[in-house]
Amino acid sequence: MRIVELKIYSPRWGHHDIYEIELAKDKMTITHNISSAICTWRDNLDPVWSGNNLEDILRNDAIYPPAILNDLLEHVWEAWRNGYLKDESVDQELHAVEEWLNTITEAKPKTEFWERYF
């Protein structure tokens, strides 16, 4: 098992919040506060998501991720579980996703008009 903490900027609160990603061979769990999105491995099938919707968890903090986010997380998890990425490399790749997401989130429009939307 591997646990990685990502600090993702929350426009709703004006600071970075911790999102914990727990990687295991059979599942990946992304937790923020009391909400968790779970991605379960299925041999010869696509992984399946359950629990809270990851996009909804992020939206609660006014984070609007690109639609590809779940696929990126699955890609890193699969590479780790299959031995292509070691622990330090998986941390590095997840932090690259964190940086990318923060760049998008921190660059949201900042006019008074958009402040009400975000």
N, C-alpha and C. Protein backbone atom coordinates (compact mmCIF):
# COMPACT_ATOMS: atom_id res chain seq x y z
N MET A 1 0.85 -1.18 0.00
CA MET A 1 0.00 0.00 0.00
C MET A 1 0.89 1.24 0.00
N ARG A 2 0.40 2.28 -0.65
CA ARG A 2 1.12 3.56 -0.73
C ARG A 2 0.12 4.69 -0.50
N ILE A 3 0.47 5.64 0.35
CA ILE A 3 -0.37 6.80 0.60
C ILE A 3 0.38 8.06 0.20
N VAL A 4 -0.28 8.90 -0.60
CA VAL A 4 0.32 10.15 -1.07
C VAL A 4 -0.66 11.28 -0.75
N GLU A 5 -0.16 12.33 -0.14
CA GLU A 5 -0.99 13.51 0.16
C GLU A 5 -0.74 14.57 -0.90
N LEU A 6 -1.83 15.04 -1.49
CA LEU A 6 -1.75 16.13 -2.45
C LEU A 6 -2.36 17.37 -1.82
N LYS A 7 -1.73 18.50 -2.03
CA LYS A 7 -2.24 19.78 -1.53
C LYS A 7 -2.80 20.54 -2.73
N ILE A 8 -4.13 20.58 -2.79
CA ILE A 8 -4.81 21.17 -3.93
C ILE A 8 -5.47 22.48 -3.50
N TYR A 9 -5.24 23.52 -4.29
CA TYR A 9 -5.78 24.84 -3.97
C TYR A 9 -7.30 24.84 -4.09
N SER A 10 -7.97 25.32 -3.06
CA SER A 10 -9.43 25.43 -3.03
C SER A 10 -9.83 26.90 -3.14
N PRO A 11 -10.36 27.31 -4.31
CA PRO A 11 -10.83 28.69 -4.43
C PRO A 11 -11.95 29.02 -3.43
N ARG A 12 -12.73 28.02 -3.08
CA ARG A 12 -13.83 28.27 -2.13
C ARG A 12 -13.30 28.76 -0.79
N TRP A 13 -12.20 28.17 -0.34
CA TRP A 13 -11.66 28.52 0.99
C TRP A 13 -10.44 29.40 0.92
N GLY A 14 -9.82 29.53 -0.26
CA GLY A 14 -8.67 30.40 -0.41
C GLY A 14 -7.37 29.82 0.12
N HIS A 15 -7.28 28.52 0.24
CA HIS A 15 -6.04 27.87 0.68
C HIS A 15 -5.97 26.46 0.09
N HIS A 16 -4.83 25.81 0.29
CA HIS A 16 -4.64 24.44 -0.18
C HIS A 16 -5.22 23.46 0.83
N ASP A 17 -5.96 22.49 0.34
CA ASP A 17 -6.52 21.42 1.16
C ASP A 17 -5.81 20.12 0.85
N ILE A 18 -5.81 19.22 1.82
CA ILE A 18 -5.17 17.91 1.65
C ILE A 18 -6.17 16.92 1.05
N TYR A 19 -5.74 16.28 0.00
CA TYR A 19 -6.45 15.15 -0.60
C TYR A 19 -5.51 13.96 -0.50
N GLU A 20 -5.97 12.90 0.14
CA GLU A 20 -5.13 11.73 0.36
C GLU A 20 -5.47 10.65 -0.68
N ILE A 21 -4.44 10.16 -1.34
CA ILE A 21 -4.60 9.08 -2.30
C ILE A 21 -3.94 7.84 -1.72
N GLU A 22 -4.75 6.81 -1.54
CA GLU A 22 -4.25 5.54 -1.02
C GLU A 22 -4.28 4.52 -2.15
N LEU A 23 -3.11 4.00 -2.47
CA LEU A 23 -2.98 3.01 -3.53
C LEU A 23 -2.79 1.63 -2.92
N ALA A 24 -3.58 0.68 -3.36
CA ALA A 24 -3.44 -0.72 -2.99
C ALA A 24 -3.57 -1.51 -4.28
N LYS A 25 -3.21 -2.76 -4.26
CA LYS A 25 -3.29 -3.56 -5.49
C LYS A 25 -4.72 -3.68 -6.00
N ASP A 26 -5.70 -3.75 -5.10
CA ASP A 26 -7.08 -3.97 -5.52
C ASP A 26 -7.91 -2.70 -5.67
N LYS A 27 -7.43 -1.58 -5.10
CA LYS A 27 -8.21 -0.34 -5.22
C LYS A 27 -7.35 0.89 -4.97
N MET A 28 -7.88 2.02 -5.44
CA MET A 28 -7.30 3.33 -5.19
C MET A 28 -8.41 4.16 -4.54
N THR A 29 -8.08 4.80 -3.43
CA THR A 29 -9.06 5.60 -2.72
C THR A 29 -8.56 7.04 -2.62
N ILE A 30 -9.40 7.99 -3.01
CA ILE A 30 -9.07 9.40 -2.89
C ILE A 30 -10.01 9.97 -1.84
N THR A 31 -9.44 10.51 -0.76
CA THR A 31 -10.23 10.99 0.37
C THR A 31 -9.94 12.45 0.64
N HIS A 32 -11.01 13.18 0.91
CA HIS A 32 -10.91 14.57 1.37
C HIS A 32 -11.97 14.74 2.45
N ASN A 33 -11.51 15.08 3.64
CA ASN A 33 -12.40 15.18 4.80
C ASN A 33 -13.13 13.85 4.97
N ILE A 34 -14.45 13.85 4.88
CA ILE A 34 -15.20 12.60 5.09
C ILE A 34 -15.66 11.95 3.78
N SER A 35 -15.31 12.53 2.65
CA SER A 35 -15.73 12.01 1.35
C SER A 35 -14.62 11.20 0.71
N SER A 36 -15.01 10.07 0.11
CA SER A 36 -14.03 9.21 -0.58
C SER A 36 -14.57 8.73 -1.92
N ALA A 37 -13.71 8.78 -2.92
CA ALA A 37 -13.98 8.18 -4.22
C ALA A 37 -13.10 6.95 -4.32
N ILE A 38 -13.66 5.82 -4.72
CA ILE A 38 -12.93 4.56 -4.73
C ILE A 38 -12.93 4.01 -6.15
N CYS A 39 -11.75 3.64 -6.60
CA CYS A 39 -11.59 3.02 -7.91
C CYS A 39 -11.11 1.58 -7.67
N THR A 40 -11.89 0.62 -8.12
CA THR A 40 -11.60 -0.79 -7.84
C THR A 40 -11.10 -1.48 -9.10
N TRP A 41 -10.01 -2.25 -8.94
CA TRP A 41 -9.41 -2.99 -10.03
C TRP A 41 -10.28 -4.18 -10.40
N ARG A 42 -10.39 -4.46 -11.70
CA ARG A 42 -11.09 -5.65 -12.19
C ARG A 42 -10.24 -6.25 -13.29
N ASP A 43 -9.79 -7.48 -13.10
CA ASP A 43 -8.96 -8.14 -14.10
C ASP A 43 -9.67 -8.19 -15.45
N ASN A 44 -8.93 -7.83 -16.49
CA ASN A 44 -9.41 -7.86 -17.87
C ASN A 44 -10.61 -6.96 -18.15
N LEU A 45 -10.88 -6.02 -17.25
CA LEU A 45 -11.95 -5.04 -17.42
C LEU A 45 -11.44 -3.67 -16.99
N ASP A 46 -12.16 -2.63 -17.34
CA ASP A 46 -11.80 -1.30 -16.86
C ASP A 46 -12.08 -1.21 -15.36
N PRO A 47 -11.27 -0.44 -14.64
CA PRO A 47 -11.58 -0.22 -13.23
C PRO A 47 -12.94 0.45 -13.09
N VAL A 48 -13.57 0.26 -11.94
CA VAL A 48 -14.88 0.86 -11.70
C VAL A 48 -14.81 1.80 -10.50
N TRP A 49 -15.45 2.97 -10.63
CA TRP A 49 -15.47 3.97 -9.57
C TRP A 49 -16.73 3.80 -8.73
N SER A 50 -16.59 4.00 -7.42
CA SER A 50 -17.74 3.94 -6.51
C SER A 50 -17.51 4.94 -5.38
N GLY A 51 -18.43 4.94 -4.42
CA GLY A 51 -18.35 5.91 -3.34
C GLY A 51 -18.79 7.27 -3.85
N ASN A 52 -18.18 8.31 -3.34
CA ASN A 52 -18.49 9.66 -3.80
C ASN A 52 -17.85 9.90 -5.15
N ASN A 53 -18.48 10.70 -5.97
CA ASN A 53 -17.94 11.07 -7.26
C ASN A 53 -16.77 12.04 -7.03
N LEU A 54 -15.59 11.73 -7.58
CA LEU A 54 -14.42 12.57 -7.39
C LEU A 54 -14.67 14.00 -7.84
N GLU A 55 -15.33 14.16 -8.96
CA GLU A 55 -15.61 15.51 -9.47
C GLU A 55 -16.48 16.29 -8.48
N ASP A 56 -17.45 15.62 -7.86
CA ASP A 56 -18.31 16.29 -6.87
C ASP A 56 -17.52 16.69 -5.62
N ILE A 57 -16.59 15.82 -5.21
CA ILE A 57 -15.75 16.14 -4.04
C ILE A 57 -14.95 17.41 -4.32
N LEU A 58 -14.35 17.48 -5.50
CA LEU A 58 -13.56 18.65 -5.88
C LEU A 58 -14.42 19.89 -6.06
N ARG A 59 -15.57 19.73 -6.68
CA ARG A 59 -16.46 20.88 -6.91
C ARG A 59 -16.92 21.51 -5.60
N ASN A 60 -17.03 20.71 -4.55
CA ASN A 60 -17.41 21.25 -3.25
C ASN A 60 -16.41 22.31 -2.78
N ASP A 61 -15.18 22.22 -3.24
CA ASP A 61 -14.14 23.20 -2.92
C ASP A 61 -13.93 24.19 -4.06
N ALA A 62 -14.89 24.24 -5.00
CA ALA A 62 -14.83 25.12 -6.17
C ALA A 62 -13.63 24.80 -7.06
N ILE A 63 -13.30 23.51 -7.14
CA ILE A 63 -12.24 23.02 -8.03
C ILE A 63 -12.95 22.33 -9.18
N TYR A 64 -12.66 22.76 -10.40
CA TYR A 64 -13.31 22.21 -11.58
C TYR A 64 -12.24 21.55 -12.46
N PRO A 65 -11.96 20.28 -12.21
CA PRO A 65 -10.87 19.62 -12.94
C PRO A 65 -11.25 19.26 -14.37
N PRO A 66 -10.27 19.15 -15.25
CA PRO A 66 -10.55 18.65 -16.60
C PRO A 66 -11.09 17.21 -16.52
N ALA A 67 -11.88 16.84 -17.50
CA ALA A 67 -12.52 15.52 -17.51
C ALA A 67 -11.53 14.35 -17.50
N ILE A 68 -10.31 14.58 -17.90
CA ILE A 68 -9.31 13.52 -17.98
C ILE A 68 -8.70 13.14 -16.62
N LEU A 69 -9.02 13.87 -15.56
CA LEU A 69 -8.38 13.65 -14.26
C LEU A 69 -8.50 12.20 -13.78
N ASN A 70 -9.68 11.62 -13.81
CA ASN A 70 -9.84 10.23 -13.35
C ASN A 70 -8.93 9.29 -14.14
N ASP A 71 -8.87 9.49 -15.46
CA ASP A 71 -8.02 8.64 -16.30
C ASP A 71 -6.55 8.78 -15.93
N LEU A 72 -6.11 10.00 -15.65
CA LEU A 72 -4.71 10.22 -15.26
C LEU A 72 -4.39 9.48 -13.97
N LEU A 73 -5.29 9.58 -12.99
CA LEU A 73 -5.08 8.90 -11.72
C LEU A 73 -5.06 7.38 -11.90
N GLU A 74 -5.96 6.87 -12.72
CA GLU A 74 -5.98 5.43 -13.01
C GLU A 74 -4.68 5.00 -13.68
N HIS A 75 -4.16 5.82 -14.58
CA HIS A 75 -2.93 5.51 -15.31
C HIS A 75 -1.74 5.38 -14.35
N VAL A 76 -1.61 6.31 -13.42
CA VAL A 76 -0.53 6.26 -12.43
C VAL A 76 -0.70 5.03 -11.54
N TRP A 77 -1.92 4.80 -11.07
CA TRP A 77 -2.19 3.66 -10.20
C TRP A 77 -1.86 2.33 -10.89
N GLU A 78 -2.31 2.18 -12.14
CA GLU A 78 -2.04 0.95 -12.88
C GLU A 78 -0.54 0.74 -13.08
N ALA A 79 0.19 1.80 -13.40
CA ALA A 79 1.64 1.69 -13.57
C ALA A 79 2.31 1.27 -12.26
N TRP A 80 1.83 1.79 -11.13
CA TRP A 80 2.37 1.42 -9.82
C TRP A 80 2.03 -0.03 -9.48
N ARG A 81 0.77 -0.41 -9.64
CA ARG A 81 0.35 -1.76 -9.25
C ARG A 81 0.99 -2.82 -10.13
N ASN A 82 1.35 -2.46 -11.38
CA ASN A 82 2.00 -3.42 -12.27
C ASN A 82 3.52 -3.37 -12.20
N GLY A 83 4.06 -2.52 -11.30
CA GLY A 83 5.50 -2.48 -11.08
C GLY A 83 6.28 -1.58 -12.01
N TYR A 84 5.62 -0.82 -12.87
CA TYR A 84 6.32 0.09 -13.78
C TYR A 84 6.80 1.34 -13.07
N LEU A 85 6.08 1.76 -12.03
CA LEU A 85 6.49 2.90 -11.20
C LEU A 85 6.76 2.42 -9.79
N LYS A 86 7.91 2.79 -9.26
CA LYS A 86 8.21 2.50 -7.85
C LYS A 86 7.59 3.59 -6.99
N ASP A 87 7.62 3.39 -5.67
CA ASP A 87 6.97 4.31 -4.74
C ASP A 87 7.37 5.76 -4.95
N GLU A 88 8.68 6.04 -5.06
CA GLU A 88 9.13 7.42 -5.22
C GLU A 88 8.66 8.00 -6.54
N SER A 89 8.64 7.19 -7.58
CA SER A 89 8.20 7.67 -8.89
C SER A 89 6.70 7.95 -8.91
N VAL A 90 5.92 7.11 -8.23
CA VAL A 90 4.48 7.34 -8.19
C VAL A 90 4.19 8.64 -7.44
N ASP A 91 4.93 8.90 -6.36
CA ASP A 91 4.78 10.17 -5.64
C ASP A 91 5.07 11.34 -6.58
N GLN A 92 6.16 11.24 -7.33
CA GLN A 92 6.56 12.30 -8.24
C GLN A 92 5.49 12.54 -9.31
N GLU A 93 4.95 11.48 -9.87
CA GLU A 93 3.94 11.62 -10.93
C GLU A 93 2.63 12.18 -10.38
N LEU A 94 2.23 11.77 -9.18
CA LEU A 94 1.02 12.32 -8.59
C LEU A 94 1.20 13.79 -8.22
N HIS A 95 2.40 14.15 -7.79
CA HIS A 95 2.66 15.57 -7.49
C HIS A 95 2.71 16.40 -8.78
N ALA A 96 3.07 15.79 -9.91
CA ALA A 96 3.01 16.49 -11.19
C ALA A 96 1.55 16.78 -11.56
N VAL A 97 0.65 15.82 -11.29
CA VAL A 97 -0.78 16.04 -11.51
C VAL A 97 -1.29 17.13 -10.56
N GLU A 98 -0.83 17.09 -9.32
CA GLU A 98 -1.19 18.12 -8.33
C GLU A 98 -0.79 19.51 -8.83
N GLU A 99 0.42 19.64 -9.33
CA GLU A 99 0.91 20.93 -9.83
C GLU A 99 0.07 21.41 -11.01
N TRP A 100 -0.23 20.50 -11.92
CA TRP A 100 -1.05 20.82 -13.09
C TRP A 100 -2.44 21.29 -12.65
N LEU A 101 -3.07 20.57 -11.74
CA LEU A 101 -4.40 20.94 -11.26
C LEU A 101 -4.37 22.28 -10.53
N ASN A 102 -3.33 22.50 -9.71
CA ASN A 102 -3.22 23.79 -9.02
C ASN A 102 -3.01 24.94 -9.99
N THR A 103 -2.26 24.72 -11.04
CA THR A 103 -2.05 25.76 -12.05
C THR A 103 -3.37 26.17 -12.67
N ILE A 104 -4.20 25.20 -12.99
CA ILE A 104 -5.51 25.47 -13.56
C ILE A 104 -6.39 26.20 -12.54
N THR A 105 -6.44 25.67 -11.34
CA THR A 105 -7.33 26.21 -10.31
C THR A 105 -6.93 27.62 -9.89
N GLU A 106 -5.63 27.84 -9.73
CA GLU A 106 -5.15 29.15 -9.29
C GLU A 106 -5.25 30.20 -10.40
N ALA A 107 -5.42 29.77 -11.65
CA ALA A 107 -5.50 30.70 -12.77
C ALA A 107 -6.94 31.03 -13.18
N LYS A 108 -7.88 30.67 -12.35
CA LYS A 108 -9.29 30.95 -12.68
C LYS A 108 -9.49 32.46 -12.84
N PRO A 109 -10.50 32.87 -13.60
CA PRO A 109 -10.75 34.31 -13.76
C PRO A 109 -11.00 34.96 -12.40
N LYS A 110 -10.47 36.15 -12.22
CA LYS A 110 -10.54 36.81 -10.91
C LYS A 110 -11.35 38.11 -10.91
N THR A 111 -12.14 38.33 -11.94
CA THR A 111 -12.97 39.52 -11.93
C THR A 111 -14.14 39.31 -10.96
N GLU A 112 -14.77 40.41 -10.57
CA GLU A 112 -15.91 40.34 -9.65
C GLU A 112 -17.01 39.45 -10.23
N PHE A 113 -17.22 39.52 -11.53
CA PHE A 113 -18.24 38.71 -12.18
C PHE A 113 -17.98 37.22 -11.95
N TRP A 114 -16.73 36.76 -12.13
CA TRP A 114 -16.40 35.35 -12.01
C TRP A 114 -16.21 34.92 -10.56
N GLU A 115 -15.90 35.84 -9.68
CA GLU A 115 -15.77 35.50 -8.26
C GLU A 115 -17.05 34.86 -7.73
N ARG A 116 -18.19 35.31 -8.20
CA ARG A 116 -19.48 34.74 -7.75
C ARG A 116 -19.68 33.34 -8.29
N TYR A 117 -19.12 33.05 -9.45
CA TYR A 117 -19.29 31.74 -10.08
C TYR A 117 -18.37 30.70 -9.46
N PHE A 118 -17.13 31.09 -9.25
CA PHE A 118 -16.14 30.17 -8.69
C PHE A 118 -16.17 30.22 -7.19
